[in-house]
Protein backbone atom coordinates (compact mmCIF):
# COMPACT_ATOMS: atom_id res chain seq x y z
CA MET A 1 106.56 129.18 108.86
CA ILE A 2 108.75 132.05 110.00
CA TYR A 3 107.13 132.01 113.44
CA PHE A 4 107.90 128.33 113.84
CA ILE A 5 111.58 128.90 112.99
CA VAL A 6 111.77 131.81 115.44
CA ALA A 7 110.15 129.66 118.14
CA VAL A 8 112.64 126.83 117.57
CA LEU A 9 115.58 129.25 117.64
CA SER A 10 114.25 130.82 120.84
CA LEU A 11 113.84 127.45 122.49
CA ALA A 12 117.35 126.42 121.45
CA LEU A 13 118.67 129.72 122.79
CA LEU A 14 116.96 129.11 126.12
CA PHE A 15 118.39 125.60 126.43
CA ALA A 16 121.89 126.78 125.53
CA VAL A 17 121.76 129.56 128.13
CA ILE A 18 120.55 127.11 130.77
CA ARG A 19 123.41 124.76 129.92
CA GLY A 20 125.87 127.63 130.07
CA ILE A 21 124.68 128.70 133.51
CA ASN A 22 124.24 125.23 135.02
CA GLY A 23 127.19 123.54 133.30
CA PRO A 24 129.20 121.82 136.00
CA THR A 25 132.46 121.99 134.05
CA ALA A 26 134.16 124.61 131.93
CA SER A 27 133.93 122.38 128.87
CA ASP A 28 130.12 122.34 129.22
CA ARG A 29 130.17 126.12 129.21
CA ILE A 30 132.38 126.19 126.11
CA VAL A 31 129.97 123.86 124.30
CA ALA A 32 127.06 126.09 125.37
CA LEU A 33 128.91 129.13 124.01
CA ASP A 34 129.48 127.29 120.74
CA ASN A 35 125.77 126.50 120.58
CA LEU A 36 124.94 130.16 121.20
CA THR A 37 127.17 131.27 118.35
CA THR A 38 125.57 128.70 116.05
CA ILE A 39 122.11 129.92 116.99
CA THR A 40 123.18 133.52 116.42
CA THR A 41 124.52 132.59 112.99
CA ALA A 42 121.22 130.93 112.11
CA ALA A 43 119.33 134.00 113.33
CA LEU A 44 121.46 136.27 111.15
CA VAL A 45 120.74 134.11 108.11
CA LEU A 46 117.04 134.17 108.98
CA LEU A 47 117.10 137.96 109.27
CA GLY A 48 118.88 138.25 105.94
CA LEU A 49 116.26 136.12 104.22
CA PHE A 50 113.34 137.81 105.95
CA PHE A 51 114.43 141.39 105.18
CA GLU A 52 115.96 140.45 101.81
CA ARG A 53 119.26 142.02 102.88
CA TYR A 54 121.81 139.44 101.90
CA ILE A 55 124.66 141.28 103.58
CA TYR A 56 123.45 139.59 106.79
CA VAL A 57 124.27 136.22 105.25
CA ASP A 58 127.83 137.38 104.57
CA VAL A 59 128.10 138.67 108.13
CA ALA A 60 126.79 135.31 109.39
CA LEU A 61 129.48 133.46 107.44
CA ILE A 62 132.24 135.64 108.87
CA TYR A 63 130.76 135.35 112.36
CA GLY A 64 130.63 131.56 112.01
CA VAL A 65 134.30 131.34 111.04
CA LEU A 66 135.38 133.65 113.86
CA SER A 67 133.33 131.75 116.43
CA PHE A 68 134.82 128.47 115.23
CA ILE A 69 138.33 129.86 115.69
CA GLY A 70 137.37 131.17 119.13
CA VAL A 71 135.99 127.83 120.28
CA LEU A 72 139.11 126.05 119.02
CA THR A 73 141.27 128.50 120.95
CA MET A 74 139.31 127.97 124.15
CA ALA A 75 139.42 124.19 123.71
CA ARG A 76 143.19 124.26 123.25
CA TYR A 77 143.55 126.44 126.30
CA MET A 78 141.42 124.06 128.38
CA GLY A 79 143.43 121.12 127.10
CA GLY A 80 146.71 122.74 128.04
CA GLY A 81 147.91 123.01 124.45
CA LEU A 82 148.98 126.65 124.54
């Protein structure tokens, strides 16, 4: 089961990187970056459960909040709201 989850996360990571590189607009690249941070958060949770070190889950929660704030900041900047 763990190998299937790792394979799905790897495939999602590959697609997000491709979208980030090939994205024709800056908003496509921001969405790809948001996807990468979501995948990283999921990987941290998976590591925490696999190694039974639940501090990784706390780090994933903090990382998720910070990435959400970062994406909001970039979206406001692209929209001309700053």
